Amino acid sequence: MHNNDIIRRLQYIFNINSKNMMTIFELGGLTLDKSTYLAIMAKPTQDSARDAQLSRHDLEKFLNGLIISQRGHKKNPDGSIAAPDYSMQRDNDINNVVIKKVKIAMAYTTEDLLDFWQAADFKVTKGEVGAMLRRKSHPKYLIAGDQFMRKLLIGMANTLRG
């Protein structure tokens, strides 16, 4: 899946207007002008690279902004604002991080995620979800392929947009 396709689908699922999308990017630390935003939101061509319109770092900035917009800034024990987490180091990290950060932002449970996959007629077990949400260094870590991501977004759209 292209990075900007994930953003476009999340915008549709959560019914976020363009102004609020740009605000979410800003909360995550990425200020966009209108033309850059429109380029990010354009439908990618089949043969374009995954990150042709949106780098994985900028995708993660958007996801951090989504968390901040929904849950507020994460605080350190001393009350100061914690630095955002950037854990997309490779392309095969992207889907796992998107799933984790959407789960955090929207306060979804593992059961909610399972319901979304079920709404897309895609069988995922609770153990698989747990494995996808683990740290990369964990021996039972499961890389979420594009089909997991695509079906989750389809299920979310079916459930939340009906």
Protein backbone atom coordinates (compact mmCIF):
# COMPACT_ATOMS: atom_id res chain seq x y z
CA MET A 1 0.00 0.00 0.00
CA HIS A 2 1.16 3.52 -0.70
CA ASN A 3 1.72 5.72 2.34
CA ASN A 4 -0.58 8.42 1.06
CA ASP A 5 -3.29 5.84 0.36
CA ILE A 6 -3.33 5.07 4.10
CA ILE A 7 -3.77 8.78 4.85
CA ARG A 8 -6.54 9.14 2.24
CA ARG A 9 -8.42 6.17 3.64
CA LEU A 10 -8.10 7.41 7.23
CA GLN A 11 -9.44 10.80 6.15
CA TYR A 12 -12.48 9.10 4.62
CA ILE A 13 -13.03 6.68 7.54
CA PHE A 14 -12.95 9.40 10.19
CA ASN A 15 -14.61 12.01 7.93
CA ILE A 16 -11.86 14.60 8.47
CA ASN A 17 -12.02 17.76 6.34
CA SER A 18 -8.93 19.16 4.61
CA LYS A 19 -8.40 21.97 7.13
CA ASN A 20 -8.40 19.51 10.03
CA MET A 21 -6.10 17.15 8.11
CA MET A 22 -3.57 19.95 7.74
CA THR A 23 -3.94 20.71 11.46
CA ILE A 24 -3.25 17.06 12.31
CA PHE A 25 -0.09 17.16 10.18
CA GLU A 26 0.97 20.33 12.04
CA LEU A 27 0.36 18.73 15.44
CA GLY A 28 2.70 15.95 14.33
CA GLY A 29 5.38 18.46 13.34
CA LEU A 30 4.81 18.78 9.58
CA THR A 31 3.59 22.10 8.21
CA LEU A 32 2.14 21.79 4.72
CA ASP A 33 1.06 24.35 2.16
CA LYS A 34 -2.12 23.65 0.20
CA SER A 35 -0.34 22.38 -2.93
CA THR A 36 1.82 19.93 -0.97
CA TYR A 37 -1.25 18.71 0.89
CA LEU A 38 -3.12 18.20 -2.39
CA ALA A 39 -0.15 16.28 -3.83
CA ILE A 40 -0.16 13.99 -0.78
CA MET A 41 -3.89 13.40 -1.09
CA ALA A 42 -3.74 12.62 -4.83
CA LYS A 43 -4.40 9.03 -5.82
CA PRO A 44 -1.07 7.27 -6.52
CA THR A 45 -0.36 5.55 -9.80
CA GLN A 46 0.05 1.78 -9.81
CA ASP A 47 3.75 1.89 -10.61
CA SER A 48 4.78 4.67 -8.21
CA ALA A 49 6.95 3.93 -5.19
CA ARG A 50 5.27 3.42 -1.81
CA ASP A 51 6.69 6.69 -0.51
CA ALA A 52 6.56 8.73 -3.74
CA GLN A 53 4.13 11.32 -2.33
CA LEU A 54 4.59 10.80 1.42
CA SER A 55 7.67 9.48 3.19
CA ARG A 56 7.26 7.00 6.01
CA HIS A 57 8.65 9.62 8.42
CA ASP A 58 5.95 12.10 7.33
CA LEU A 59 3.30 9.37 7.59
CA GLU A 60 4.42 8.79 11.15
CA LYS A 61 4.26 12.54 11.83
CA PHE A 62 0.63 12.45 10.68
CA LEU A 63 -0.11 9.49 12.97
CA ASN A 64 1.56 11.25 15.92
CA GLY A 65 -0.58 14.31 15.13
CA LEU A 66 -3.69 12.10 15.06
CA ILE A 67 -2.82 10.79 18.52
CA ILE A 68 -2.28 14.32 19.82
CA SER A 69 -5.54 15.54 18.27
CA GLN A 70 -7.53 12.72 19.86
CA ARG A 71 -5.73 12.07 23.15
CA GLY A 72 -3.54 15.10 23.79
CA HIS A 73 0.22 15.23 24.25
CA LYS A 74 1.94 12.37 26.05
CA LYS A 75 3.48 13.57 29.30
CA ASN A 76 6.70 12.55 31.00
CA PRO A 77 6.59 11.68 34.72
CA ASP A 78 7.76 15.24 35.52
CA GLY A 79 4.78 16.68 33.59
CA SER A 80 6.72 17.87 30.55
CA ILE A 81 5.59 16.91 27.05
CA ALA A 82 7.24 13.71 25.83
CA ALA A 83 8.96 13.64 22.47
CA PRO A 84 6.97 11.75 19.83
CA ASP A 85 7.91 8.19 19.01
CA TYR A 86 9.30 7.42 15.55
CA SER A 87 9.49 3.68 15.02
CA MET A 88 9.12 3.27 11.24
CA GLN A 89 12.67 2.37 10.38
CA ARG A 90 11.97 0.09 7.40
CA ASP A 91 9.12 -0.37 4.95
CA ASN A 92 8.00 -3.58 6.64
CA ASP A 93 7.45 -1.62 9.91
CA ILE A 94 4.86 0.71 8.39
CA ASN A 95 1.70 -1.39 8.70
CA ASN A 96 2.44 -2.48 12.27
CA VAL A 97 3.10 1.10 13.37
CA VAL A 98 -0.04 2.39 11.62
CA ILE A 99 -2.16 -0.24 13.36
CA LYS A 100 -0.61 0.56 16.76
CA LYS A 101 -0.94 4.32 16.40
CA VAL A 102 -4.51 4.25 15.10
CA LYS A 103 -5.37 1.92 18.00
CA ILE A 104 -3.82 4.40 20.44
CA ALA A 105 -5.33 7.51 18.85
CA MET A 106 -8.86 6.17 18.74
CA ALA A 107 -8.61 4.20 22.01
CA TYR A 108 -9.53 0.97 20.22
CA THR A 109 -9.21 -2.37 21.94
CA THR A 110 -7.92 -5.57 20.39
CA GLU A 111 -11.56 -6.66 20.16
CA ASP A 112 -12.36 -3.53 18.12
CA LEU A 113 -9.58 -4.38 15.68
CA LEU A 114 -10.84 -7.95 15.39
CA ASP A 115 -14.35 -6.61 14.69
CA PHE A 116 -12.99 -4.38 11.91
CA TRP A 117 -11.22 -7.31 10.25
CA GLN A 118 -14.35 -9.43 10.63
CA ALA A 119 -16.40 -6.65 8.96
CA ALA A 120 -14.06 -7.02 5.96
CA ASP A 121 -14.52 -10.83 5.96
CA PHE A 122 -10.89 -11.34 6.95
CA LYS A 123 -9.98 -13.92 9.59
CA VAL A 124 -7.46 -12.71 12.16
CA THR A 125 -6.94 -14.32 15.55
CA LYS A 126 -6.44 -12.52 18.84
CA GLY A 127 -2.95 -14.04 19.00
CA GLU A 128 -2.05 -12.59 15.59
CA VAL A 129 -3.23 -9.14 16.68
CA GLY A 130 -1.14 -9.41 19.84
CA ALA A 131 1.87 -10.47 17.78
CA MET A 132 1.44 -7.48 15.42
CA LEU A 133 1.33 -5.07 18.37
CA ARG A 134 4.51 -6.42 20.02
CA ARG A 135 7.91 -4.78 19.89
CA LYS A 136 10.01 -5.67 16.85
CA SER A 137 12.59 -7.32 19.07
CA HIS A 138 10.07 -9.79 20.54
CA PRO A 139 10.52 -13.34 19.23
CA LYS A 140 6.77 -13.67 18.47
CA TYR A 141 6.56 -10.36 16.56
CA LEU A 142 4.44 -10.66 13.39
CA ILE A 143 4.99 -8.32 10.45
CA ALA A 144 1.60 -7.06 9.27
CA GLY A 145 1.52 -7.36 5.51
CA ASP A 146 -0.36 -5.05 3.19
CA GLN A 147 -3.38 -7.36 3.18
CA PHE A 148 -3.77 -6.93 6.98
CA MET A 149 -3.64 -3.15 6.56
CA ARG A 150 -5.94 -3.03 3.54
CA LYS A 151 -8.57 -5.28 5.16
CA LEU A 152 -8.42 -3.35 8.45
CA LEU A 153 -9.08 -0.07 6.62
CA ILE A 154 -11.91 -1.67 4.62
CA GLY A 155 -13.46 -3.03 7.82
CA MET A 156 -13.14 0.33 9.54
CA ALA A 157 -14.83 2.04 6.60
CA ASN A 158 -17.63 -0.56 6.53
CA THR A 159 -18.18 -0.22 10.27
CA LEU A 160 -17.73 3.50 10.81
CA ARG A 161 -19.05 4.86 7.52
CA GLY A 162 -21.60 2.12 6.89
